[in-house]
N, C-alpha and C. Protein backbone atom coordinates (compact mmCIF):
# COMPACT_ATOMS: atom_id res chain seq x y z
N MET A 1 7.12 33.08 -0.62
CA MET A 1 8.16 32.32 0.13
C MET A 1 7.56 31.33 1.00
N LYS A 2 7.97 30.15 0.82
CA LYS A 2 7.38 29.02 1.59
C LYS A 2 8.33 28.62 2.68
N ARG A 3 7.86 28.40 3.94
CA ARG A 3 8.65 28.07 5.04
C ARG A 3 8.25 26.74 5.49
N ALA A 4 9.30 25.96 5.83
CA ALA A 4 9.04 24.60 6.40
C ALA A 4 9.98 24.38 7.64
N LEU A 5 9.44 23.72 8.64
CA LEU A 5 10.28 23.42 9.78
C LEU A 5 10.79 22.04 9.68
N LEU A 6 12.16 21.89 9.77
CA LEU A 6 12.69 20.55 9.69
C LEU A 6 13.32 20.26 11.03
N PRO A 7 13.10 18.94 11.42
CA PRO A 7 13.75 18.49 12.64
C PRO A 7 15.22 18.40 12.48
N LEU A 8 16.05 18.65 13.49
CA LEU A 8 17.44 18.64 13.34
C LEU A 8 17.91 17.19 13.08
N ALA A 9 17.12 16.20 13.60
CA ALA A 9 17.49 14.84 13.27
C ALA A 9 16.33 13.99 13.42
N VAL A 10 16.21 12.93 12.68
CA VAL A 10 15.12 12.00 12.63
C VAL A 10 15.56 10.79 13.38
N LEU A 11 16.80 10.34 12.99
CA LEU A 11 17.38 9.15 13.69
C LEU A 11 18.75 9.44 14.11
N GLY A 12 19.21 8.70 15.17
CA GLY A 12 20.54 8.87 15.57
C GLY A 12 20.75 10.22 16.40
N PHE A 13 21.87 10.91 16.21
CA PHE A 13 22.09 12.06 17.04
C PHE A 13 22.80 13.18 16.29
N LEU A 14 22.75 14.38 16.82
CA LEU A 14 23.41 15.46 16.13
C LEU A 14 24.04 16.34 17.24
N ALA A 15 25.27 16.74 17.09
CA ALA A 15 25.94 17.59 18.12
C ALA A 15 25.82 18.99 17.65
N VAL A 16 25.41 19.87 18.57
CA VAL A 16 25.24 21.27 18.27
C VAL A 16 25.98 22.06 19.30
N SER A 17 26.78 23.01 18.98
CA SER A 17 27.43 23.92 19.83
C SER A 17 26.49 24.96 20.41
N VAL A 18 26.50 25.10 21.77
CA VAL A 18 25.62 26.05 22.36
C VAL A 18 26.45 27.04 23.19
N PRO A 19 26.32 28.37 22.88
CA PRO A 19 27.11 29.35 23.74
C PRO A 19 26.78 29.21 25.23
N ALA A 20 27.79 29.33 25.97
CA ALA A 20 27.63 29.07 27.41
C ALA A 20 26.78 30.19 28.01
N MET A 21 26.74 31.33 27.49
CA MET A 21 26.03 32.50 28.09
C MET A 21 24.64 32.71 27.47
N ALA A 22 24.07 31.67 26.75
CA ALA A 22 22.86 31.71 26.15
C ALA A 22 21.73 32.02 27.14
N VAL A 23 20.62 32.70 26.67
CA VAL A 23 19.48 32.91 27.47
C VAL A 23 18.83 31.54 27.75
N PRO A 24 18.55 31.06 29.02
CA PRO A 24 18.13 29.75 29.23
C PRO A 24 16.75 29.51 28.64
N SER A 25 16.54 28.41 28.04
CA SER A 25 15.33 27.88 27.55
C SER A 25 14.50 27.29 28.76
N ARG A 26 13.11 27.40 28.54
CA ARG A 26 12.32 26.79 29.65
C ARG A 26 11.27 25.98 28.83
N VAL A 27 11.69 24.72 28.71
CA VAL A 27 10.91 23.76 27.86
C VAL A 27 10.48 22.48 28.62
N LEU A 28 9.26 22.06 28.36
CA LEU A 28 8.68 20.83 28.81
C LEU A 28 8.42 19.93 27.62
N PHE A 29 8.47 18.62 27.94
CA PHE A 29 8.10 17.59 26.97
C PHE A 29 9.02 17.64 25.71
N GLY A 30 10.29 18.03 25.86
CA GLY A 30 11.16 17.99 24.78
C GLY A 30 11.52 16.60 24.38
N PHE A 31 11.92 16.51 23.12
CA PHE A 31 12.28 15.16 22.45
C PHE A 31 11.03 14.30 22.56
N SER A 32 9.90 14.73 22.33
CA SER A 32 8.72 14.06 22.56
C SER A 32 8.37 13.10 21.43
N GLY A 33 8.89 13.27 20.33
CA GLY A 33 8.74 12.30 19.14
C GLY A 33 7.33 11.95 18.83
N THR A 34 7.03 10.67 18.72
CA THR A 34 5.69 10.21 18.28
C THR A 34 4.94 9.59 19.47
N THR A 35 5.41 9.85 20.78
CA THR A 35 4.65 9.36 21.84
C THR A 35 3.29 9.90 21.98
N ALA A 36 2.26 9.10 22.18
CA ALA A 36 0.85 9.60 22.23
C ALA A 36 0.58 10.17 23.63
N VAL A 37 -0.29 11.13 23.60
CA VAL A 37 -0.84 11.69 24.79
C VAL A 37 -2.03 10.90 25.09
N GLU A 38 -2.39 10.62 26.37
CA GLU A 38 -3.56 9.81 26.66
C GLU A 38 -4.60 10.54 27.40
N LEU A 39 -5.88 10.14 27.10
CA LEU A 39 -7.02 10.78 27.80
C LEU A 39 -7.63 9.52 28.52
N VAL A 40 -7.71 9.58 29.87
CA VAL A 40 -8.22 8.49 30.61
C VAL A 40 -9.52 8.96 31.23
N ILE A 41 -10.66 8.18 30.87
CA ILE A 41 -12.00 8.65 31.25
C ILE A 41 -12.54 7.61 32.38
N ASP A 42 -12.85 8.28 33.54
CA ASP A 42 -13.38 7.51 34.67
C ASP A 42 -12.45 6.36 35.03
N GLY A 43 -11.18 6.50 34.88
CA GLY A 43 -10.16 5.51 35.25
C GLY A 43 -10.17 4.27 34.50
N THR A 44 -11.07 4.09 33.50
CA THR A 44 -11.24 2.75 32.83
C THR A 44 -11.00 2.80 31.33
N THR A 45 -11.43 3.99 30.78
CA THR A 45 -11.34 4.03 29.27
C THR A 45 -10.18 4.95 28.89
N THR A 46 -9.28 4.41 28.13
CA THR A 46 -8.06 5.23 27.64
C THR A 46 -8.20 5.45 26.12
N ILE A 47 -8.03 6.79 25.80
CA ILE A 47 -8.12 7.19 24.30
C ILE A 47 -6.79 7.78 24.08
N LEU A 48 -6.04 7.27 23.00
CA LEU A 48 -4.75 7.83 22.68
C LEU A 48 -5.01 9.00 21.76
N SER A 49 -4.10 9.98 21.88
CA SER A 49 -4.36 11.19 20.92
C SER A 49 -4.20 10.75 19.55
N SER A 50 -4.91 11.44 18.62
CA SER A 50 -4.88 11.12 17.18
C SER A 50 -3.94 12.08 16.54
N ASP A 51 -3.55 13.20 17.29
CA ASP A 51 -2.68 14.13 16.75
C ASP A 51 -2.06 14.97 17.79
N THR A 52 -0.80 15.38 17.76
CA THR A 52 -0.19 16.26 18.61
C THR A 52 0.69 17.24 17.85
N GLY A 53 1.02 18.29 18.51
CA GLY A 53 1.92 19.23 17.81
C GLY A 53 2.11 20.56 18.60
N TRP A 54 2.65 21.58 17.94
CA TRP A 54 2.91 22.81 18.67
C TRP A 54 2.85 23.95 17.61
N TYR A 55 2.67 25.13 18.16
CA TYR A 55 2.66 26.37 17.34
C TYR A 55 3.66 27.32 18.03
N SER A 56 4.44 27.97 17.15
CA SER A 56 5.33 28.98 17.59
C SER A 56 4.49 30.32 17.73
N ALA A 57 5.12 31.33 18.46
CA ALA A 57 4.46 32.57 18.75
C ALA A 57 4.20 33.33 17.38
N LEU A 58 4.91 32.93 16.29
CA LEU A 58 4.70 33.51 14.98
C LEU A 58 3.64 32.81 14.26
N GLY A 59 3.02 31.76 14.83
CA GLY A 59 1.87 31.11 14.20
C GLY A 59 2.39 30.00 13.22
N PHE A 60 3.64 29.50 13.42
CA PHE A 60 4.07 28.41 12.56
C PHE A 60 3.79 27.07 13.06
N HIS A 61 3.28 26.20 12.25
CA HIS A 61 3.07 24.76 12.54
C HIS A 61 3.29 23.88 11.39
N GLU A 62 3.87 22.70 11.60
CA GLU A 62 4.07 21.68 10.52
C GLU A 62 3.35 20.49 10.99
N ASP A 63 2.37 20.08 10.14
CA ASP A 63 1.57 18.91 10.46
C ASP A 63 2.40 17.58 10.70
N ALA A 64 3.46 17.51 9.85
CA ALA A 64 4.14 16.26 9.87
C ALA A 64 5.07 16.11 11.17
N ASN A 65 5.17 17.15 11.93
CA ASN A 65 5.92 17.05 13.19
C ASN A 65 5.09 16.90 14.44
N PRO A 66 5.06 15.75 15.05
CA PRO A 66 4.18 15.36 16.20
C PRO A 66 4.79 15.82 17.56
N ASN A 67 5.94 16.35 17.53
CA ASN A 67 6.49 16.79 18.84
C ASN A 67 5.54 17.82 19.59
N TYR A 68 5.36 17.57 20.83
CA TYR A 68 4.47 18.43 21.63
C TYR A 68 5.15 19.20 22.69
N PHE A 69 6.54 19.59 22.33
CA PHE A 69 7.20 20.38 23.33
C PHE A 69 6.54 21.79 23.47
N VAL A 70 6.76 22.46 24.65
CA VAL A 70 6.06 23.63 24.99
C VAL A 70 7.01 24.49 25.86
N GLY A 71 6.80 25.84 25.73
CA GLY A 71 7.56 26.67 26.63
C GLY A 71 8.29 27.77 25.88
N LEU A 72 9.48 28.20 26.43
CA LEU A 72 10.33 29.20 25.80
C LEU A 72 11.60 28.47 25.32
N CYS A 73 11.77 28.53 23.96
CA CYS A 73 12.94 27.87 23.30
C CYS A 73 13.73 28.93 22.76
N ASP A 74 15.02 28.87 23.17
CA ASP A 74 15.96 29.95 22.71
C ASP A 74 16.97 29.39 21.71
N GLU A 75 18.12 28.87 22.29
CA GLU A 75 19.12 28.33 21.41
C GLU A 75 18.67 27.06 20.71
N GLY A 76 18.91 26.98 19.43
CA GLY A 76 18.61 25.85 18.64
C GLY A 76 17.22 25.93 17.99
N CYS A 77 16.40 26.91 18.26
CA CYS A 77 15.05 27.03 17.75
C CYS A 77 15.04 28.26 16.72
N ASP A 78 14.41 28.09 15.60
CA ASP A 78 14.15 29.13 14.71
C ASP A 78 12.72 28.92 14.20
N PRO A 79 11.91 29.92 14.62
CA PRO A 79 12.17 31.11 15.33
C PRO A 79 12.32 30.85 16.84
N LYS A 80 13.06 31.64 17.50
CA LYS A 80 13.26 31.62 18.89
C LYS A 80 11.89 32.18 19.48
N GLY A 81 11.64 31.89 20.81
CA GLY A 81 10.48 32.42 21.42
C GLY A 81 9.57 31.41 22.03
N GLU A 82 8.36 31.71 22.34
CA GLU A 82 7.39 30.90 23.05
C GLU A 82 6.67 29.95 22.04
N TYR A 83 6.32 28.80 22.63
CA TYR A 83 5.65 27.72 21.84
C TYR A 83 4.54 27.25 22.77
N HIS A 84 3.39 26.96 22.11
CA HIS A 84 2.26 26.34 22.70
C HIS A 84 2.04 24.97 22.07
N ASP A 85 1.41 24.01 22.80
CA ASP A 85 1.25 22.73 22.15
C ASP A 85 -0.15 22.32 22.29
N PHE A 86 -0.46 21.19 21.69
CA PHE A 86 -1.90 20.77 21.67
C PHE A 86 -1.98 19.22 21.46
N ALA A 87 -3.12 18.66 21.85
CA ALA A 87 -3.41 17.23 21.56
C ALA A 87 -4.82 17.10 21.13
N VAL A 88 -5.09 16.24 20.18
CA VAL A 88 -6.41 16.00 19.65
C VAL A 88 -6.80 14.62 19.89
N PHE A 89 -8.06 14.32 20.36
CA PHE A 89 -8.52 12.94 20.59
C PHE A 89 -9.73 12.66 19.64
N ASP A 90 -9.82 11.52 19.09
CA ASP A 90 -10.87 10.97 18.47
C ASP A 90 -11.75 10.22 19.44
N LEU A 91 -12.93 10.76 19.82
CA LEU A 91 -13.71 10.11 20.90
C LEU A 91 -14.50 8.85 20.51
N GLY A 92 -14.59 8.57 19.24
CA GLY A 92 -15.28 7.35 18.87
C GLY A 92 -16.69 7.31 19.30
N GLU A 93 -16.99 6.27 20.08
CA GLU A 93 -18.41 5.97 20.50
C GLU A 93 -18.67 6.66 21.84
N PHE A 94 -17.72 7.35 22.40
CA PHE A 94 -17.94 8.12 23.69
C PHE A 94 -18.99 9.13 23.51
N THR A 95 -20.04 9.11 24.28
CA THR A 95 -21.18 10.00 24.16
C THR A 95 -21.43 10.84 25.46
N GLY A 96 -20.41 10.97 26.23
CA GLY A 96 -20.56 11.80 27.45
C GLY A 96 -20.86 11.01 28.63
N GLY A 97 -21.08 11.76 29.74
CA GLY A 97 -21.44 11.12 31.01
C GLY A 97 -20.33 10.81 31.90
N ALA A 98 -19.08 11.27 31.51
CA ALA A 98 -17.91 10.90 32.32
C ALA A 98 -18.01 11.72 33.67
N SER A 99 -17.57 11.19 34.74
CA SER A 99 -17.59 11.81 36.02
C SER A 99 -16.16 12.29 36.37
N SER A 100 -15.13 11.86 35.64
CA SER A 100 -13.77 12.31 35.83
C SER A 100 -12.90 12.02 34.61
N ALA A 101 -11.84 12.65 34.44
CA ALA A 101 -10.95 12.46 33.27
C ALA A 101 -9.64 13.10 33.55
N VAL A 102 -8.61 12.40 33.06
CA VAL A 102 -7.24 12.78 33.27
C VAL A 102 -6.52 12.79 31.99
N ILE A 103 -5.73 13.83 31.70
CA ILE A 103 -4.80 13.89 30.59
C ILE A 103 -3.39 13.44 31.03
N ARG A 104 -2.84 12.35 30.35
CA ARG A 104 -1.53 11.88 30.68
C ARG A 104 -0.56 12.28 29.58
N ILE A 105 0.54 12.97 29.90
CA ILE A 105 1.46 13.43 28.88
C ILE A 105 2.78 12.94 29.26
N PHE A 106 3.42 12.12 28.39
CA PHE A 106 4.77 11.57 28.62
C PHE A 106 5.86 12.63 28.55
N ASN A 107 6.65 12.74 29.61
CA ASN A 107 7.76 13.59 29.57
C ASN A 107 9.05 12.81 29.45
N PRO A 108 9.67 12.79 28.30
CA PRO A 108 10.93 12.00 28.17
C PRO A 108 12.01 12.33 29.12
N LEU A 109 13.04 11.42 29.12
CA LEU A 109 14.16 11.55 30.07
C LEU A 109 14.81 12.89 29.84
N THR A 110 14.87 13.42 28.68
CA THR A 110 15.48 14.67 28.35
C THR A 110 14.41 15.77 28.10
N GLY A 111 13.30 15.55 28.58
CA GLY A 111 12.21 16.48 28.19
C GLY A 111 12.13 17.77 28.99
N TYR A 112 12.75 17.76 30.10
CA TYR A 112 12.75 19.00 31.00
C TYR A 112 14.04 19.81 30.71
N ILE A 113 13.88 20.99 30.09
CA ILE A 113 14.96 21.75 29.79
C ILE A 113 14.74 23.22 30.33
N SER A 114 15.19 23.44 31.55
CA SER A 114 15.02 24.76 32.21
C SER A 114 16.01 24.88 33.38
N PRO A 115 16.42 26.09 33.67
CA PRO A 115 17.25 26.33 34.90
C PRO A 115 16.46 26.30 36.15
N ASN A 116 15.12 26.36 36.05
CA ASN A 116 14.23 26.32 37.25
C ASN A 116 14.02 24.88 37.65
N LEU A 117 13.69 24.72 38.98
CA LEU A 117 13.39 23.39 39.58
C LEU A 117 12.04 22.94 39.24
N SER A 118 11.14 23.87 38.80
CA SER A 118 9.79 23.54 38.43
C SER A 118 9.24 24.48 37.45
N GLU A 119 8.24 24.12 36.67
CA GLU A 119 7.56 24.96 35.76
C GLU A 119 6.12 24.64 35.82
N LEU A 120 5.21 25.58 35.72
CA LEU A 120 3.82 25.36 35.72
C LEU A 120 3.26 25.26 34.34
N TYR A 121 2.57 24.09 34.11
CA TYR A 121 2.04 23.80 32.78
C TYR A 121 0.44 23.69 32.86
N SER A 122 -0.15 24.38 32.01
CA SER A 122 -1.70 24.44 32.09
C SER A 122 -2.34 24.05 30.70
N LEU A 123 -3.49 23.47 30.91
CA LEU A 123 -4.33 23.09 29.67
C LEU A 123 -5.45 24.00 29.52
N TYR A 124 -5.80 24.29 28.24
CA TYR A 124 -6.95 25.22 27.96
C TYR A 124 -7.84 24.68 26.87
N ASP A 125 -9.02 25.30 26.82
CA ASP A 125 -9.96 24.90 25.79
C ASP A 125 -9.50 25.39 24.35
N VAL A 126 -9.86 24.70 23.27
CA VAL A 126 -9.48 25.04 22.00
C VAL A 126 -10.72 25.36 21.25
N SER A 127 -10.75 26.55 20.68
CA SER A 127 -11.97 26.90 19.81
C SER A 127 -11.67 26.71 18.36
N THR A 128 -10.37 26.61 18.05
CA THR A 128 -9.97 26.34 16.55
C THR A 128 -10.53 25.00 16.12
N GLY A 129 -11.04 24.95 14.96
CA GLY A 129 -11.49 23.64 14.34
C GLY A 129 -10.30 22.74 14.20
N VAL A 130 -10.51 21.39 14.41
CA VAL A 130 -9.46 20.36 14.37
C VAL A 130 -8.74 20.40 12.99
N ARG A 131 -9.47 20.59 11.98
CA ARG A 131 -8.80 20.59 10.63
C ARG A 131 -7.87 21.66 10.49
N ASP A 132 -8.28 22.92 10.95
CA ASP A 132 -7.27 24.01 10.90
C ASP A 132 -6.17 23.81 11.85
N LEU A 133 -6.42 23.24 12.98
CA LEU A 133 -5.43 23.05 14.06
C LEU A 133 -4.34 22.14 13.56
N SER A 134 -4.72 21.09 12.87
CA SER A 134 -3.74 20.09 12.39
C SER A 134 -3.03 20.39 11.14
N ALA A 135 -3.53 21.40 10.33
CA ALA A 135 -3.03 21.73 9.08
C ALA A 135 -1.65 22.50 9.14
N ASP A 136 -0.88 22.46 8.09
CA ASP A 136 0.28 23.29 8.00
C ASP A 136 -0.11 24.74 8.11
N GLN A 137 0.59 25.52 8.92
CA GLN A 137 0.31 26.95 9.06
C GLN A 137 1.60 27.69 8.98
N SER A 138 1.54 28.99 8.60
CA SER A 138 2.76 29.80 8.52
C SER A 138 2.61 31.06 9.42
N ASP A 139 1.51 31.63 9.64
CA ASP A 139 1.29 32.86 10.37
C ASP A 139 0.04 32.89 11.22
N ALA A 140 -0.33 31.75 11.69
CA ALA A 140 -1.62 31.58 12.43
C ALA A 140 -1.45 31.94 13.90
N THR A 141 -1.13 33.22 14.15
CA THR A 141 -0.93 33.67 15.61
C THR A 141 -2.19 33.59 16.38
N ASP A 142 -3.38 33.61 15.70
CA ASP A 142 -4.61 33.40 16.44
C ASP A 142 -4.72 32.06 17.05
N ILE A 143 -4.25 31.00 16.26
CA ILE A 143 -4.25 29.68 16.80
C ILE A 143 -3.24 29.59 17.99
N PHE A 144 -2.07 30.11 17.87
CA PHE A 144 -1.09 30.12 19.02
C PHE A 144 -1.79 30.78 20.29
N ASP A 145 -2.47 31.85 20.08
CA ASP A 145 -3.05 32.47 21.17
C ASP A 145 -4.20 31.54 21.82
N ASP A 146 -4.95 30.91 20.89
CA ASP A 146 -6.03 30.07 21.33
C ASP A 146 -5.61 29.00 22.23
N LEU A 147 -4.46 28.36 21.89
CA LEU A 147 -3.92 27.19 22.59
C LEU A 147 -3.51 27.60 24.03
N GLY A 148 -3.23 28.81 24.32
CA GLY A 148 -2.73 29.13 25.64
C GLY A 148 -3.68 30.09 26.43
N SER A 149 -4.86 30.20 26.10
CA SER A 149 -5.80 31.06 26.72
C SER A 149 -7.28 30.45 26.76
N GLY A 150 -8.18 31.17 27.43
CA GLY A 150 -9.48 30.67 27.47
C GLY A 150 -9.83 29.91 28.84
N LEU A 151 -10.69 28.98 28.70
CA LEU A 151 -11.12 28.20 29.93
C LEU A 151 -10.01 27.29 30.35
N LEU A 152 -9.69 27.33 31.55
CA LEU A 152 -8.67 26.50 32.13
C LEU A 152 -9.18 25.06 32.43
N PHE A 153 -8.51 24.10 31.79
CA PHE A 153 -8.96 22.74 31.81
C PHE A 153 -8.16 21.94 32.76
N GLY A 154 -7.06 22.55 33.37
CA GLY A 154 -6.25 21.87 34.37
C GLY A 154 -4.88 22.36 34.32
N SER A 155 -4.10 22.18 35.39
CA SER A 155 -2.74 22.62 35.47
C SER A 155 -1.94 21.66 36.38
N ARG A 156 -0.59 21.72 36.22
CA ARG A 156 0.27 20.82 36.98
C ARG A 156 1.63 21.46 37.09
N THR A 157 2.20 21.49 38.21
CA THR A 157 3.59 21.88 38.37
C THR A 157 4.49 20.74 38.02
N VAL A 158 5.30 20.91 37.03
CA VAL A 158 6.23 19.86 36.55
C VAL A 158 7.56 20.13 37.12
N LEU A 159 8.17 19.04 37.76
CA LEU A 159 9.38 19.19 38.42
C LEU A 159 10.58 18.77 37.50
N SER A 160 11.74 19.28 37.82
CA SER A 160 12.97 18.89 37.04
C SER A 160 13.21 17.41 37.16
N SER A 161 12.75 16.81 38.22
CA SER A 161 12.96 15.40 38.46
C SER A 161 11.86 14.51 37.75
N ASP A 162 10.86 15.07 37.23
CA ASP A 162 9.94 14.37 36.47
C ASP A 162 10.36 13.96 35.08
N ALA A 163 11.30 12.98 35.04
CA ALA A 163 11.88 12.55 33.76
C ALA A 163 11.49 11.17 33.57
N GLY A 164 11.08 10.88 32.25
CA GLY A 164 10.71 9.51 31.92
C GLY A 164 9.41 9.04 32.55
N VAL A 165 8.47 9.99 32.82
CA VAL A 165 7.22 9.59 33.49
C VAL A 165 6.10 10.31 32.71
N TYR A 166 4.91 9.88 33.05
CA TYR A 166 3.73 10.60 32.51
C TYR A 166 3.26 11.64 33.50
N ILE A 167 3.09 12.87 32.98
CA ILE A 167 2.57 13.92 33.74
C ILE A 167 1.03 13.88 33.75
N GLU A 168 0.36 13.67 34.91
CA GLU A 168 -1.13 13.54 34.85
C GLU A 168 -1.81 14.85 35.32
N ILE A 169 -2.74 15.18 34.56
CA ILE A 169 -3.54 16.42 34.85
C ILE A 169 -4.97 16.10 34.86
N THR A 170 -5.62 16.32 36.03
CA THR A 170 -7.02 16.01 36.08
C THR A 170 -7.85 17.19 35.59
N LEU A 171 -8.81 16.87 34.76
CA LEU A 171 -9.65 17.93 34.14
C LEU A 171 -10.42 18.65 35.21
N THR A 172 -10.50 20.02 35.10
CA THR A 172 -11.40 20.81 35.92
C THR A 172 -12.89 20.57 35.48
N ALA A 173 -13.73 21.17 36.19
CA ALA A 173 -15.18 21.11 35.88
C ALA A 173 -15.50 21.56 34.46
N ASP A 174 -14.73 22.66 34.07
CA ASP A 174 -14.93 23.19 32.70
C ASP A 174 -14.45 22.21 31.66
N GLY A 175 -13.28 21.59 31.95
CA GLY A 175 -12.69 20.63 31.13
C GLY A 175 -13.60 19.40 30.91
N LEU A 176 -14.06 18.90 32.01
CA LEU A 176 -15.00 17.77 31.99
C LEU A 176 -16.28 18.04 31.25
N ASP A 177 -16.86 19.27 31.51
CA ASP A 177 -18.03 19.63 30.81
C ASP A 177 -17.85 19.72 29.26
N SER A 178 -16.71 20.21 28.84
CA SER A 178 -16.34 20.35 27.51
C SER A 178 -16.21 18.96 26.85
N LEU A 179 -15.60 18.09 27.53
CA LEU A 179 -15.46 16.72 27.04
C LEU A 179 -16.73 16.00 26.90
N ASN A 180 -17.62 16.17 27.89
CA ASN A 180 -18.92 15.42 27.85
C ASN A 180 -19.86 15.98 26.73
N ARG A 181 -19.52 17.25 26.35
CA ARG A 181 -20.38 17.84 25.29
C ARG A 181 -19.83 17.66 23.92
N ALA A 182 -18.58 17.15 23.83
CA ALA A 182 -17.88 17.00 22.55
C ALA A 182 -18.52 15.80 21.77
N VAL A 183 -18.39 15.98 20.41
CA VAL A 183 -18.90 15.04 19.48
C VAL A 183 -17.75 14.73 18.48
N GLY A 184 -17.36 13.53 18.25
CA GLY A 184 -16.32 13.29 17.26
C GLY A 184 -14.92 13.53 17.79
N SER A 185 -14.41 14.65 17.63
CA SER A 185 -13.04 14.96 18.13
C SER A 185 -13.05 16.05 19.20
N TRP A 186 -12.04 16.01 20.07
CA TRP A 186 -11.94 16.99 21.17
C TRP A 186 -10.41 17.32 21.36
N ALA A 187 -10.24 18.61 21.55
CA ALA A 187 -8.79 19.00 21.56
C ALA A 187 -8.49 19.87 22.86
N VAL A 188 -7.22 19.80 23.30
CA VAL A 188 -6.74 20.67 24.40
C VAL A 188 -5.52 21.35 23.97
N GLY A 189 -5.30 22.61 24.42
CA GLY A 189 -4.04 23.31 24.17
C GLY A 189 -3.27 23.47 25.51
N GLY A 190 -1.99 23.73 25.42
CA GLY A 190 -1.10 23.81 26.51
C GLY A 190 -0.14 24.88 26.47
N ALA A 191 0.22 25.44 27.68
CA ALA A 191 1.19 26.55 27.73
C ALA A 191 1.95 26.50 29.04
N VAL A 192 3.21 26.92 28.99
CA VAL A 192 3.97 27.13 30.18
C VAL A 192 3.83 28.46 30.80
N ASP A 193 3.68 28.57 32.07
CA ASP A 193 3.51 29.93 32.63
C ASP A 193 4.94 30.58 32.66
N LEU A 194 5.19 31.64 31.87
CA LEU A 194 6.47 32.27 31.74
C LEU A 194 6.48 33.62 32.47
N SER A 195 5.46 33.90 33.32
CA SER A 195 5.29 35.21 33.96
C SER A 195 6.42 35.29 35.08
N GLY A 196 6.88 34.20 35.61
CA GLY A 196 7.86 34.20 36.71
C GLY A 196 9.23 34.49 36.08
N GLN A 197 10.12 34.84 37.03
CA GLN A 197 11.49 35.05 36.57
C GLN A 197 12.19 33.64 36.37
N PRO A 198 13.02 33.56 35.36
CA PRO A 198 13.82 32.32 35.20
C PRO A 198 14.82 32.21 36.31
N GLY A 199 15.28 30.95 36.48
CA GLY A 199 16.35 30.70 37.50
C GLY A 199 17.71 31.32 37.04
N PRO A 200 18.72 31.15 37.85
CA PRO A 200 20.08 31.71 37.45
C PRO A 200 20.68 30.96 36.28
N GLU A 201 21.34 31.79 35.51
CA GLU A 201 22.02 31.21 34.25
C GLU A 201 23.18 30.41 34.66
N PRO A 202 23.56 29.47 33.82
CA PRO A 202 24.74 28.66 34.12
C PRO A 202 25.95 29.51 34.28
N GLU A 203 26.95 29.08 35.04
CA GLU A 203 28.26 29.71 35.19
C GLU A 203 28.91 29.76 33.82
N PRO A 204 29.56 30.91 33.41
CA PRO A 204 30.21 30.97 32.14
C PRO A 204 31.50 29.98 32.11
N VAL A 205 31.80 29.41 30.96
CA VAL A 205 32.96 28.58 30.82
C VAL A 205 33.77 29.08 29.69
N PRO A 206 35.02 28.78 29.69
CA PRO A 206 35.93 29.21 28.55
C PRO A 206 35.50 28.91 27.20
N GLU A 207 35.07 27.64 26.99
CA GLU A 207 34.72 27.21 25.63
C GLU A 207 33.23 26.88 25.63
N PRO A 208 32.68 26.99 24.33
CA PRO A 208 31.30 26.60 24.16
C PRO A 208 31.08 25.13 24.56
N THR A 209 29.97 24.80 25.18
CA THR A 209 29.59 23.48 25.55
C THR A 209 28.96 22.75 24.37
N THR A 210 28.80 21.47 24.37
CA THR A 210 28.24 20.68 23.30
C THR A 210 27.04 19.96 23.80
N LEU A 211 25.94 20.22 23.11
CA LEU A 211 24.68 19.56 23.60
C LEU A 211 24.40 18.40 22.55
N LEU A 212 24.32 17.18 22.94
CA LEU A 212 23.91 16.10 22.09
C LEU A 212 22.43 15.95 22.06
N LEU A 213 21.87 16.10 20.87
CA LEU A 213 20.46 15.94 20.72
C LEU A 213 20.18 14.45 20.31
N LEU A 214 19.62 13.70 21.18
CA LEU A 214 19.40 12.32 20.99
C LEU A 214 17.93 12.00 20.80
N GLY A 215 17.70 10.92 20.06
CA GLY A 215 16.35 10.35 19.91
C GLY A 215 15.80 10.42 18.59
N SER A 216 14.60 9.85 18.40
CA SER A 216 13.99 9.79 17.12
C SER A 216 13.16 10.94 16.76
N GLY A 217 12.73 11.71 17.74
CA GLY A 217 11.93 12.95 17.44
C GLY A 217 12.45 14.05 18.36
N LEU A 218 13.06 15.04 17.80
CA LEU A 218 13.68 16.14 18.54
C LEU A 218 12.86 17.34 18.61
N ILE A 219 13.01 18.10 19.71
CA ILE A 219 12.18 19.24 19.79
C ILE A 219 12.69 20.41 18.96
N LEU A 220 13.99 20.39 18.62
CA LEU A 220 14.46 21.64 18.07
C LEU A 220 14.43 21.58 16.53
N GLY A 221 14.24 22.70 15.89
CA GLY A 221 14.17 22.74 14.47
C GLY A 221 14.75 24.01 13.80
N ARG A 222 14.80 24.02 12.54
CA ARG A 222 15.23 25.15 11.86
C ARG A 222 14.39 25.39 10.64
N ARG A 223 14.32 26.54 10.17
CA ARG A 223 13.43 26.86 9.02
C ARG A 223 14.33 26.77 7.76
N LEU A 224 13.76 26.19 6.78
CA LEU A 224 14.39 26.13 5.50
C LEU A 224 13.61 27.15 4.55
N ARG A 225 14.29 28.18 4.21
CA ARG A 225 13.66 29.13 3.29
C ARG A 225 13.92 28.76 1.85
N LYS A 226 12.80 28.80 1.08
CA LYS A 226 12.89 28.34 -0.28
C LYS A 226 12.08 29.36 -1.20
N ARG A 227 12.73 29.88 -2.04
CA ARG A 227 12.04 30.80 -2.95
C ARG A 227 11.28 30.03 -3.98
N SER A 228 9.98 30.51 -4.12
CA SER A 228 9.12 29.83 -5.10
C SER A 228 9.35 30.43 -6.50
């Protein structure tokens, strides 16, 4: 059985009914589309990501989908549950020696989806090879785990008001050391800290609400099951 994750929409918009009492999602960088993540070295050299994406807790990843949304996705996601994201950078002629570096991640206007006023997002080292990381996967739970654990490369509290801006995360000493030792490609993984309790659920309403999913790259997807 082959599984493929399809975006709900590629262009235009799609209206989806969402039950009013659904468990709240806690998502960052939703609707991220094809926006590149940036690596800024010593404040002067900017390298755009060569690949971005996400893995579900079941280890599913589709190479053709560049969305880098991350967190807990409930309504509208299949499978439901936690997601980790990643970014890959081709370093080109960079040979180390950086004294500082910042990861800049664009958070779209509709990118923050959470009942909480803030969520903690952290970057981690990635031991998975870039080829495996970028490839289509169906049950690579080890890669999912890899993206949200290991050496901490930086963290940032993202606010609900951080809409339509770049979230900047300064690399830790471990992150900078990893970057300076890298040759060719370098990757970072990301995860939202879900250990805290979510905020209050929305008040129930008589009828289901309608959520308009707008944009050219949407975070939400569904699996299409196809018998071989």
